[in-house]
Amino acid sequence: MPHQSTSNLKEKFNQFIHRILRVYKVVIYNEHLQEKLKFTLSPINLILFFSLVLVVTFFFSYLLFAYTPIKLAIPGVAETMHTDPGRIYQLELRADSLENLVKAQNKQMDVLKKILKGEALDSSTSYNFNGLKNEGIFKFTSLKNDSVMVEEKNLEKTFLLFSPAKGYITAKYEPASDHYAVDIITTRNAPVKAVADGMVIFSEWSSATGHVIIVQHINNLISVYKHNSVLLKKSGNFVRSGEVLALVGNSGELTTGPHLHFELWHKGSPVNPEDFITF
C-alpha cells in the first residue's frame, strides 16, 4: 500500500507538470468567423508573466510610498515624521532661512524705495544686495587733483570711481534742499557709464525719475543714474567700471531737459559725488 500511494503521488505530480507545460493554440475569430489573431500559450508562461507583473508592481509601489509624499497617507507615518527630532530640526532651519530671506528682501525694497525718492537712510543701516562680497574695510578718500578713490585698508588697494557722463554740472549736491545728487547736462543719448565694478540691482521705470538704473558696488556703495532715455542693463547683470549702462535722456516728470541725475550712496547715506569724482 505505501508503495502504491507513492506511485499515485508521483503520477499526479507528473500529470500536473505535463499540464502546466502543455502548449495551447489560441485563435481569435471575428463575428464572421474570420481568423484575426493566433498565438500559442502555456500555463507556465501565464504563471511567469503574472509573477513578473507582481514583482514589478511591488517594486514601483515601494518606491512610490518610500520616496514620495504619498507615504503620508499611510496611518502613523505622518505622526512619526512630525515627532521626529531630526525632521523637526530640519524644518526649523528651513523656516528660519525663509524668514531671513524675506526680511532681507523687504529691507532691500525699503532701501530702493528711499533711494528712488531721494530720502536719506539711517546712517547705521547696513545692507548688501545680490551676494556681493565685502572683502576688507573700505573708506572714502577725497582727492583734489584726481578721480577719487575708495581705499581698502586690509589689502592696501585703491579703486577709482570714474565719471558717469561727460558734461557740465548744472545742479550741485544740496542736502539742505533735498537734492542728494549732481545734475550733469549733456547731449541726448550720450553714454551713461558705471563708476565702478558692481551688480545692477534696479533697472526699471519710475514716473517721477523716468528710466532709472542702480548699481551696487563693494562695501555698501551704491550709484544711481536717473532720467535715462534707454536702459541697456537688467537687474542681476554684473558691470565693469566704465561700461555703458544707459543713454542720457529726459524721461520722468522731474526733469526739464536731457541730463543725468547722478547719486552716490554709502552705507545708507548720500554723499557728494564731487568729493570723489572729477567731472
C-alpha atoms as a PDB file:
ATOM      1  CA  MET A   1       0.000   0.000   0.000  1.00  0.00           C
ATOM      2  CA  PRO A   2       2.688   2.599   0.795  1.00  0.00           C
ATOM      3  CA  HIS A   3       4.395   1.823  -2.488  1.00  0.00           C
ATOM      4  CA  GLN A   4       1.120   2.256  -4.390  1.00  0.00           C
ATOM      5  CA  SER A   5       0.403   5.577  -2.637  1.00  0.00           C
ATOM      6  CA  THR A   6       3.857   6.866  -3.582  1.00  0.00           C
ATOM      7  CA  SER A   7       3.319   5.834  -7.173  1.00  0.00           C
ATOM      8  CA  ASN A   8      -0.021   7.655  -7.278  1.00  0.00           C
ATOM      9  CA  LEU A   9       1.529  10.825  -5.937  1.00  0.00           C
ATOM     10  CA  LYS A  10       4.330  10.642  -8.450  1.00  0.00           C
ATOM     11  CA  GLU A  11       1.862  10.064 -11.268  1.00  0.00           C
ATOM     12  CA  LYS A  12      -0.275  13.040 -10.191  1.00  0.00           C
ATOM     13  CA  PHE A  13       2.791  15.245  -9.981  1.00  0.00           C
ATOM     14  CA  ASN A  14       3.871  14.215 -13.474  1.00  0.00           C
ATOM     15  CA  GLN A  15       0.380  14.953 -14.767  1.00  0.00           C
ATOM     16  CA  PHE A  16       0.478  18.403 -13.147  1.00  0.00           C
ATOM     17  CA  ILE A  17       3.844  19.161 -14.725  1.00  0.00           C
ATOM     18  CA  HIS A  18       2.580  17.943 -18.056  1.00  0.00           C
ATOM     19  CA  ARG A  19      -0.491  20.214 -17.797  1.00  0.00           C
ATOM     20  CA  ILE A  20       1.406  23.406 -16.978  1.00  0.00           C
ATOM     21  CA  LEU A  21       3.934  22.693 -19.728  1.00  0.00           C
ATOM     22  CA  ARG A  22       1.327  21.806 -22.301  1.00  0.00           C
ATOM     23  CA  VAL A  23       1.166  24.318 -25.141  1.00  0.00           C
ATOM     24  CA  TYR A  24      -2.238  25.530 -26.298  1.00  0.00           C
ATOM     25  CA  LYS A  25      -3.058  27.306 -29.501  1.00  0.00           C
ATOM     26  CA  VAL A  26      -5.336  30.321 -29.037  1.00  0.00           C
ATOM     27  CA  VAL A  27      -7.210  31.550 -32.082  1.00  0.00           C
ATOM     28  CA  ILE A  28      -9.408  34.646 -32.130  1.00  0.00           C
ATOM     29  CA  TYR A  29     -12.158  34.975 -34.738  1.00  0.00           C
ATOM     30  CA  ASN A  30     -14.345  37.943 -35.608  1.00  0.00           C
ATOM     31  CA  GLU A  31     -18.126  37.780 -35.876  1.00  0.00           C
ATOM     32  CA  HIS A  32     -17.837  36.430 -39.419  1.00  0.00           C
ATOM     33  CA  LEU A  33     -15.638  33.598 -38.190  1.00  0.00           C
ATOM     34  CA  GLN A  34     -12.612  35.054 -39.905  1.00  0.00           C
ATOM     35  CA  GLU A  35      -9.347  34.351 -38.120  1.00  0.00           C
ATOM     36  CA  LYS A  36      -7.873  37.576 -36.701  1.00  0.00           C
ATOM     37  CA  LEU A  37      -5.274  36.531 -34.197  1.00  0.00           C
ATOM     38  CA  LYS A  38      -3.444  33.317 -33.409  1.00  0.00           C
ATOM     39  CA  PHE A  39      -0.836  32.587 -30.787  1.00  0.00           C
ATOM     40  CA  THR A  40       0.384  29.774 -28.573  1.00  0.00           C
ATOM     41  CA  LEU A  41       0.169  29.824 -24.814  1.00  0.00           C
ATOM     42  CA  SER A  42       1.035  27.563 -21.920  1.00  0.00           C
ATOM     43  CA  PRO A  43       0.039  27.714 -18.228  1.00  0.00           C
ATOM     44  CA  ILE A  44       3.680  28.056 -17.176  1.00  0.00           C
ATOM     45  CA  ASN A  45       4.015  31.143 -19.364  1.00  0.00           C
ATOM     46  CA  LEU A  46       0.959  32.684 -17.704  1.00  0.00           C
ATOM     47  CA  ILE A  47       2.350  31.931 -14.259  1.00  0.00           C
ATOM     48  CA  LEU A  48       5.709  33.514 -15.117  1.00  0.00           C
ATOM     49  CA  PHE A  49       4.053  36.549 -16.701  1.00  0.00           C
ATOM     50  CA  PHE A  50       1.795  37.316 -13.744  1.00  0.00           C
ATOM     51  CA  SER A  51       4.660  36.701 -11.314  1.00  0.00           C
ATOM     52  CA  LEU A  52       6.753  39.282 -13.175  1.00  0.00           C
ATOM     53  CA  VAL A  53       3.855  41.751 -13.116  1.00  0.00           C
ATOM     54  CA  LEU A  54       3.502  41.282  -9.344  1.00  0.00           C
ATOM     55  CA  VAL A  55       7.242  41.815  -8.756  1.00  0.00           C
ATOM     56  CA  VAL A  56       7.345  44.987 -10.887  1.00  0.00           C
ATOM     57  CA  THR A  57       4.171  46.312  -9.237  1.00  0.00           C
ATOM     58  CA  PHE A  58       5.581  45.678  -5.789  1.00  0.00           C
ATOM     59  CA  PHE A  59       8.884  47.369  -6.687  1.00  0.00           C
ATOM     60  CA  PHE A  60       7.295  50.527  -8.027  1.00  0.00           C
ATOM     61  CA  SER A  61       4.795  50.639  -5.168  1.00  0.00           C
ATOM     62  CA  TYR A  62       7.701  50.517  -2.727  1.00  0.00           C
ATOM     63  CA  LEU A  63       9.452  53.388  -4.484  1.00  0.00           C
ATOM     64  CA  LEU A  64       6.222  55.388  -4.585  1.00  0.00           C
ATOM     65  CA  PHE A  65       5.442  55.002  -0.907  1.00  0.00           C
ATOM     66  CA  ALA A  66       9.049  55.261   0.295  1.00  0.00           C
ATOM     67  CA  TYR A  67      10.213  58.363  -1.593  1.00  0.00           C
ATOM     68  CA  THR A  68       7.115  60.452  -2.342  1.00  0.00           C
ATOM     69  CA  PRO A  69       4.633  62.379  -0.151  1.00  0.00           C
ATOM     70  CA  ILE A  70       2.111  59.583  -0.749  1.00  0.00           C
ATOM     71  CA  LYS A  71       3.709  57.792   2.200  1.00  0.00           C
ATOM     72  CA  LEU A  72       1.980  60.346   4.452  1.00  0.00           C
ATOM     73  CA  ALA A  73      -1.292  58.590   3.616  1.00  0.00           C
ATOM     74  CA  ILE A  74      -0.085  55.505   5.498  1.00  0.00           C
ATOM     75  CA  PRO A  75      -1.536  55.546   9.038  1.00  0.00           C
ATOM     76  CA  GLY A  76       1.100  56.504  11.603  1.00  0.00           C
ATOM     77  CA  VAL A  77       3.743  57.766   9.163  1.00  0.00           C
ATOM     78  CA  ALA A  78       2.722  61.413   9.362  1.00  0.00           C
ATOM     79  CA  GLU A  79       2.644  61.326  13.151  1.00  0.00           C
ATOM     80  CA  THR A  80       6.125  59.768  13.238  1.00  0.00           C
ATOM     81  CA  MET A  81       7.550  62.423  10.916  1.00  0.00           C
ATOM     82  CA  HIS A  82       6.001  65.234  12.948  1.00  0.00           C
ATOM     83  CA  THR A  83       7.565  63.939  16.140  1.00  0.00           C
ATOM     84  CA  ASP A  84      10.972  63.027  14.683  1.00  0.00           C
ATOM     85  CA  PRO A  85      13.553  65.396  16.298  1.00  0.00           C
ATOM     86  CA  GLY A  86      15.791  65.387  13.239  1.00  0.00           C
ATOM     87  CA  ARG A  87      12.890  66.217  10.942  1.00  0.00           C
ATOM     88  CA  ILE A  88      11.672  68.972  13.237  1.00  0.00           C
ATOM     89  CA  TYR A  89      15.167  70.488  13.377  1.00  0.00           C
ATOM     90  CA  GLN A  90      15.436  70.500   9.564  1.00  0.00           C
ATOM     91  CA  LEU A  91      12.032  72.168   9.249  1.00  0.00           C
ATOM     92  CA  GLU A  92      13.026  74.803  11.804  1.00  0.00           C
ATOM     93  CA  LEU A  93      16.242  75.556   9.893  1.00  0.00           C
ATOM     94  CA  ARG A  94      14.323  75.857   6.644  1.00  0.00           C
ATOM     95  CA  ALA A  95      11.728  78.147   8.242  1.00  0.00           C
ATOM     96  CA  ASP A  96      14.470  80.345   9.713  1.00  0.00           C
ATOM     97  CA  SER A  97      16.218  80.563   6.323  1.00  0.00           C
ATOM     98  CA  LEU A  98      12.985  81.555   4.593  1.00  0.00           C
ATOM     99  CA  GLU A  99      12.240  84.136   7.283  1.00  0.00           C
ATOM    100  CA  ASN A 100      15.722  85.664   6.943  1.00  0.00           C
ATOM    101  CA  LEU A 101      15.352  85.732   3.156  1.00  0.00           C
ATOM    102  CA  VAL A 102      12.013  87.548   3.380  1.00  0.00           C
ATOM    103  CA  LYS A 103      13.453  90.066   5.846  1.00  0.00           C
ATOM    104  CA  ALA A 104      16.456  90.689   3.583  1.00  0.00           C
ATOM    105  CA  GLN A 105      14.203  91.191   0.547  1.00  0.00           C
ATOM    106  CA  ASN A 106      11.925  93.558   2.460  1.00  0.00           C
ATOM    107  CA  LYS A 107      14.968  95.515   3.638  1.00  0.00           C
ATOM    108  CA  GLN A 108      16.264  95.700   0.094  1.00  0.00           C
ATOM    109  CA  MET A 109      12.925  97.021  -1.167  1.00  0.00           C
ATOM    110  CA  ASP A 110      12.813  99.650   1.597  1.00  0.00           C
ATOM    111  CA  VAL A 111      16.321 100.839   0.686  1.00  0.00           C
ATOM    112  CA  LEU A 112      15.488 101.024  -3.015  1.00  0.00           C
ATOM    113  CA  LYS A 113      12.238 102.920  -2.377  1.00  0.00           C
ATOM    114  CA  LYS A 114      14.019 105.515  -0.240  1.00  0.00           C
ATOM    115  CA  ILE A 115      16.835 105.911  -2.755  1.00  0.00           C
ATOM    116  CA  LEU A 116      14.338 106.372  -5.586  1.00  0.00           C
ATOM    117  CA  LYS A 117      12.513 109.009  -3.542  1.00  0.00           C
ATOM    118  CA  GLY A 118      15.782 110.693  -2.580  1.00  0.00           C
ATOM    119  CA  GLU A 119      15.328 110.075   1.142  1.00  0.00           C
ATOM    120  CA  ALA A 120      18.375 109.662   3.375  1.00  0.00           C
ATOM    121  CA  LEU A 121      18.622 106.402   5.288  1.00  0.00           C
ATOM    122  CA  ASP A 122      19.694 105.742   8.840  1.00  0.00           C
ATOM    123  CA  SER A 123      23.492 106.021   8.945  1.00  0.00           C
ATOM    124  CA  SER A 124      23.670 102.775  10.905  1.00  0.00           C
ATOM    125  CA  THR A 125      21.909 100.876   8.121  1.00  0.00           C
ATOM    126  CA  SER A 126      23.944  98.038   6.692  1.00  0.00           C
ATOM    127  CA  TYR A 127      22.813  96.200   3.598  1.00  0.00           C
ATOM    128  CA  ASN A 128      24.155  94.151   0.746  1.00  0.00           C
ATOM    129  CA  PHE A 129      22.450  93.111  -2.474  1.00  0.00           C
ATOM    130  CA  ASN A 130      22.895  90.020  -4.657  1.00  0.00           C
ATOM    131  CA  GLY A 131      25.637  88.496  -2.545  1.00  0.00           C
ATOM    132  CA  LEU A 132      28.409  90.961  -3.469  1.00  0.00           C
ATOM    133  CA  LYS A 133      31.472  90.208  -1.358  1.00  0.00           C
ATOM    134  CA  ASN A 134      32.664  92.897   1.043  1.00  0.00           C
ATOM    135  CA  GLU A 135      36.307  91.996   1.325  1.00  0.00           C
ATOM    136  CA  GLY A 136      38.199  94.169   3.750  1.00  0.00           C
ATOM    137  CA  ILE A 137      37.274  97.524   5.266  1.00  0.00           C
ATOM    138  CA  PHE A 138      36.781 100.403   2.851  1.00  0.00           C
ATOM    139  CA  LYS A 139      36.740 104.146   3.384  1.00  0.00           C
ATOM    140  CA  PHE A 140      36.307 107.117   1.081  1.00  0.00           C
ATOM    141  CA  THR A 141      39.386 109.219   0.460  1.00  0.00           C
ATOM    142  CA  SER A 142      38.846 112.627  -1.109  1.00  0.00           C
ATOM    143  CA  LEU A 143      41.464 113.607  -3.693  1.00  0.00           C
ATOM    144  CA  LYS A 144      41.529 117.133  -5.102  1.00  0.00           C
ATOM    145  CA  ASN A 145      43.511 116.589  -8.289  1.00  0.00           C
ATOM    146  CA  ASP A 146      42.477 113.119  -9.352  1.00  0.00           C
ATOM    147  CA  SER A 147      39.496 110.848  -9.692  1.00  0.00           C
ATOM    148  CA  VAL A 148      38.516 109.930  -6.201  1.00  0.00           C
ATOM    149  CA  MET A 149      39.324 106.550  -4.798  1.00  0.00           C
ATOM    150  CA  VAL A 150      37.932 104.062  -2.367  1.00  0.00           C
ATOM    151  CA  GLU A 151      40.809 102.788  -0.243  1.00  0.00           C
ATOM    152  CA  GLU A 152      40.866  99.275   1.171  1.00  0.00           C
ATOM    153  CA  LYS A 153      42.835  99.168   4.395  1.00  0.00           C
ATOM    154  CA  ASN A 154      43.379  95.440   4.599  1.00  0.00           C
ATOM    155  CA  LEU A 155      44.760  94.858   1.114  1.00  0.00           C
ATOM    156  CA  GLU A 156      46.058  98.392   0.568  1.00  0.00           C
ATOM    157  CA  LYS A 157      44.435  98.685  -2.820  1.00  0.00           C
ATOM    158  CA  THR A 158      42.637 101.648  -4.368  1.00  0.00           C
ATOM    159  CA  PHE A 159      39.640 101.654  -6.655  1.00  0.00           C
ATOM    160  CA  LEU A 160      38.966 104.571  -8.993  1.00  0.00           C
ATOM    161  CA  LEU A 161      35.459 105.965  -9.338  1.00  0.00           C
ATOM    162  CA  PHE A 162      35.026 107.078 -12.918  1.00  0.00           C
ATOM    163  CA  SER A 163      32.819 109.882 -14.136  1.00  0.00           C
ATOM    164  CA  PRO A 164      29.379 108.536 -15.197  1.00  0.00           C
ATOM    165  CA  ALA A 165      28.980 111.036 -18.069  1.00  0.00           C
ATOM    166  CA  LYS A 166      30.795 113.842 -19.847  1.00  0.00           C
ATOM    167  CA  GLY A 167      29.179 117.235 -19.410  1.00  0.00           C
ATOM    168  CA  TYR A 168      28.671 120.181 -17.080  1.00  0.00           C
ATOM    169  CA  ILE A 169      27.153 120.189 -13.609  1.00  0.00           C
ATOM    170  CA  THR A 170      24.100 122.452 -13.545  1.00  0.00           C
ATOM    171  CA  ALA A 171      22.753 121.461 -10.111  1.00  0.00           C
ATOM    172  CA  LYS A 172      25.075 120.579  -7.274  1.00  0.00           C
ATOM    173  CA  TYR A 173      24.663 118.295  -4.284  1.00  0.00           C
ATOM    174  CA  GLU A 174      22.425 120.235  -1.843  1.00  0.00           C
ATOM    175  CA  PRO A 175      21.194 118.128   1.113  1.00  0.00           C
ATOM    176  CA  ALA A 176      19.524 121.191   2.641  1.00  0.00           C
ATOM    177  CA  SER A 177      17.137 121.311  -0.312  1.00  0.00           C
ATOM    178  CA  ASP A 178      16.800 117.514  -0.527  1.00  0.00           C
ATOM    179  CA  HIS A 179      18.888 117.327  -3.676  1.00  0.00           C
ATOM    180  CA  TYR A 180      21.198 114.386  -2.986  1.00  0.00           C
ATOM    181  CA  ALA A 181      22.744 114.348  -6.438  1.00  0.00           C
ATOM    182  CA  VAL A 182      24.556 116.259  -9.138  1.00  0.00           C
ATOM    183  CA  ASP A 183      22.791 117.003 -12.406  1.00  0.00           C
ATOM    184  CA  ILE A 184      25.060 116.659 -15.431  1.00  0.00           C
ATOM    185  CA  ILE A 185      23.856 118.373 -18.590  1.00  0.00           C
ATOM    186  CA  THR A 186      24.981 116.704 -21.784  1.00  0.00           C
ATOM    187  CA  THR A 187      23.674 115.688 -25.195  1.00  0.00           C
ATOM    188  CA  ARG A 188      20.701 113.395 -25.556  1.00  0.00           C
ATOM    189  CA  ASN A 189      21.640 109.703 -25.880  1.00  0.00           C
ATOM    190  CA  ALA A 190      25.172 110.295 -24.601  1.00  0.00           C
ATOM    191  CA  PRO A 191      26.520 107.147 -22.856  1.00  0.00           C
ATOM    192  CA  VAL A 192      25.966 106.727 -19.124  1.00  0.00           C
ATOM    193  CA  LYS A 193      28.786 104.661 -17.628  1.00  0.00           C
ATOM    194  CA  ALA A 194      29.254 102.672 -14.422  1.00  0.00           C
ATOM    195  CA  VAL A 195      31.534 104.450 -11.953  1.00  0.00           C
ATOM    196  CA  ALA A 196      32.956 101.124 -10.703  1.00  0.00           C
ATOM    197  CA  ASP A 197      32.520  97.370 -10.912  1.00  0.00           C
ATOM    198  CA  GLY A 198      29.258  96.175  -9.447  1.00  0.00           C
ATOM    199  CA  MET A 199      25.890  94.457  -9.788  1.00  0.00           C
ATOM    200  CA  VAL A 200      22.768  96.063 -11.245  1.00  0.00           C
ATOM    201  CA  ILE A 201      20.111  95.831  -8.535  1.00  0.00           C
ATOM    202  CA  PHE A 202      17.427  98.015 -10.141  1.00  0.00           C
ATOM    203  CA  SER A 203      16.634  98.733 -13.769  1.00  0.00           C
ATOM    204  CA  GLU A 204      13.089  99.991 -14.129  1.00  0.00           C
ATOM    205  CA  TRP A 205      10.811 102.897 -14.980  1.00  0.00           C
ATOM    206  CA  SER A 206       9.709 105.420 -12.357  1.00  0.00           C
ATOM    207  CA  SER A 207       7.041 108.016 -13.105  1.00  0.00           C
ATOM    208  CA  ALA A 208       8.988 110.770 -11.336  1.00  0.00           C
ATOM    209  CA  THR A 209      12.532 109.959 -12.460  1.00  0.00           C
ATOM    210  CA  GLY A 210      11.936 108.006 -15.682  1.00  0.00           C
ATOM    211  CA  HIS A 211      14.284 105.187 -16.620  1.00  0.00           C
ATOM    212  CA  VAL A 212      16.413 104.510 -13.538  1.00  0.00           C
ATOM    213  CA  ILE A 213      19.337 102.145 -13.070  1.00  0.00           C
ATOM    214  CA  ILE A 214      21.037 101.448  -9.726  1.00  0.00           C
ATOM    215  CA  VAL A 215      24.330  99.617  -9.254  1.00  0.00           C
ATOM    216  CA  GLN A 216      25.577  98.002  -6.026  1.00  0.00           C
ATOM    217  CA  HIS A 217      29.339  98.152  -5.510  1.00  0.00           C
ATOM    218  CA  ILE A 218      31.598  96.730  -2.794  1.00  0.00           C
ATOM    219  CA  ASN A 219      31.191  97.796   0.815  1.00  0.00           C
ATOM    220  CA  ASN A 220      27.610  99.068   0.504  1.00  0.00           C
ATOM    221  CA  LEU A 221      28.445 101.699  -2.095  1.00  0.00           C
ATOM    222  CA  ILE A 222      25.546 102.431  -4.441  1.00  0.00           C
ATOM    223  CA  SER A 223      25.456 104.570  -7.567  1.00  0.00           C
ATOM    224  CA  VAL A 224      22.155 105.840  -9.012  1.00  0.00           C
ATOM    225  CA  TYR A 225      21.513 107.056 -12.575  1.00  0.00           C
ATOM    226  CA  LYS A 226      18.152 108.712 -13.363  1.00  0.00           C
ATOM    227  CA  HIS A 227      16.201 110.267 -16.291  1.00  0.00           C
ATOM    228  CA  ASN A 228      17.773 107.973 -18.905  1.00  0.00           C
ATOM    229  CA  SER A 229      16.221 107.550 -22.344  1.00  0.00           C
ATOM    230  CA  VAL A 230      17.147 103.879 -22.643  1.00  0.00           C
ATOM    231  CA  LEU A 231      18.377 101.279 -20.140  1.00  0.00           C
ATOM    232  CA  LEU A 232      20.960  98.853 -21.527  1.00  0.00           C
ATOM    233  CA  LYS A 233      21.377  96.617 -18.471  1.00  0.00           C
ATOM    234  CA  LYS A 234      18.967  94.491 -16.473  1.00  0.00           C
ATOM    235  CA  SER A 235      18.750  93.641 -12.786  1.00  0.00           C
ATOM    236  CA  GLY A 236      21.284  90.964 -11.936  1.00  0.00           C
ATOM    237  CA  ASN A 237      23.802  91.984 -14.616  1.00  0.00           C
ATOM    238  CA  PHE A 238      27.402  92.394 -13.455  1.00  0.00           C
ATOM    239  CA  VAL A 239      29.052  95.502 -14.907  1.00  0.00           C
ATOM    240  CA  ARG A 240      32.630  96.749 -15.118  1.00  0.00           C
ATOM    241  CA  SER A 241      33.983 100.231 -14.484  1.00  0.00           C
ATOM    242  CA  GLY A 242      33.266 102.441 -17.475  1.00  0.00           C
ATOM    243  CA  GLU A 243      30.767 100.014 -19.017  1.00  0.00           C
ATOM    244  CA  VAL A 244      27.772 101.732 -20.633  1.00  0.00           C
ATOM    245  CA  LEU A 245      24.626 101.274 -18.550  1.00  0.00           C
ATOM    246  CA  ALA A 246      22.153 103.549 -20.321  1.00  0.00           C
ATOM    247  CA  LEU A 247      21.754 106.578 -22.590  1.00  0.00           C
ATOM    248  CA  VAL A 248      21.157 110.113 -21.344  1.00  0.00           C
ATOM    249  CA  GLY A 249      17.559 111.222 -21.693  1.00  0.00           C
ATOM    250  CA  ASN A 250      14.762 113.412 -20.409  1.00  0.00           C
ATOM    251  CA  SER A 251      12.396 110.773 -19.019  1.00  0.00           C
ATOM    252  CA  GLY A 252      10.220 111.233 -15.970  1.00  0.00           C
ATOM    253  CA  GLU A 253       8.210 114.104 -14.518  1.00  0.00           C
ATOM    254  CA  LEU A 254      11.056 115.750 -12.534  1.00  0.00           C
ATOM    255  CA  THR A 255      13.181 116.866 -15.469  1.00  0.00           C
ATOM    256  CA  THR A 256      13.367 119.902 -17.761  1.00  0.00           C
ATOM    257  CA  GLY A 257      15.845 118.691 -20.374  1.00  0.00           C
ATOM    258  CA  PRO A 258      18.336 115.986 -21.297  1.00  0.00           C
ATOM    259  CA  HIS A 259      20.652 115.401 -18.345  1.00  0.00           C
ATOM    260  CA  LEU A 260      21.927 112.752 -15.963  1.00  0.00           C
ATOM    261  CA  HIS A 261      20.801 112.874 -12.343  1.00  0.00           C
ATOM    262  CA  PHE A 262      23.611 111.052 -10.549  1.00  0.00           C
ATOM    263  CA  GLU A 263      23.637 109.993  -6.887  1.00  0.00           C
ATOM    264  CA  LEU A 264      26.232 108.245  -4.750  1.00  0.00           C
ATOM    265  CA  TRP A 265      25.253 106.478  -1.524  1.00  0.00           C
ATOM    266  CA  HIS A 266      27.486 104.900   1.101  1.00  0.00           C
ATOM    267  CA  LYS A 267      26.132 102.719   3.905  1.00  0.00           C
ATOM    268  CA  GLY A 268      22.638 104.144   3.553  1.00  0.00           C
ATOM    269  CA  SER A 269      23.627 107.822   3.437  1.00  0.00           C
ATOM    270  CA  PRO A 270      24.025 110.078   0.388  1.00  0.00           C
ATOM    271  CA  VAL A 271      27.462 111.567  -0.240  1.00  0.00           C
ATOM    272  CA  ASN A 272      28.577 114.392  -2.512  1.00  0.00           C
ATOM    273  CA  PRO A 273      29.770 112.823  -5.794  1.00  0.00           C
ATOM    274  CA  GLU A 274      32.057 115.830  -6.433  1.00  0.00           C
ATOM    275  CA  ASP A 275      34.110 114.858  -3.390  1.00  0.00           C
ATOM    276  CA  PHE A 276      35.014 111.609  -5.058  1.00  0.00           C
ATOM    277  CA  ILE A 277      34.746 112.051  -8.818  1.00  0.00           C
ATOM    278  CA  THR A 278      36.250 114.630 -11.162  1.00  0.00           C
ATOM    279  CA  PHE A 279      33.516 115.540 -13.651  1.00  0.00           C
END
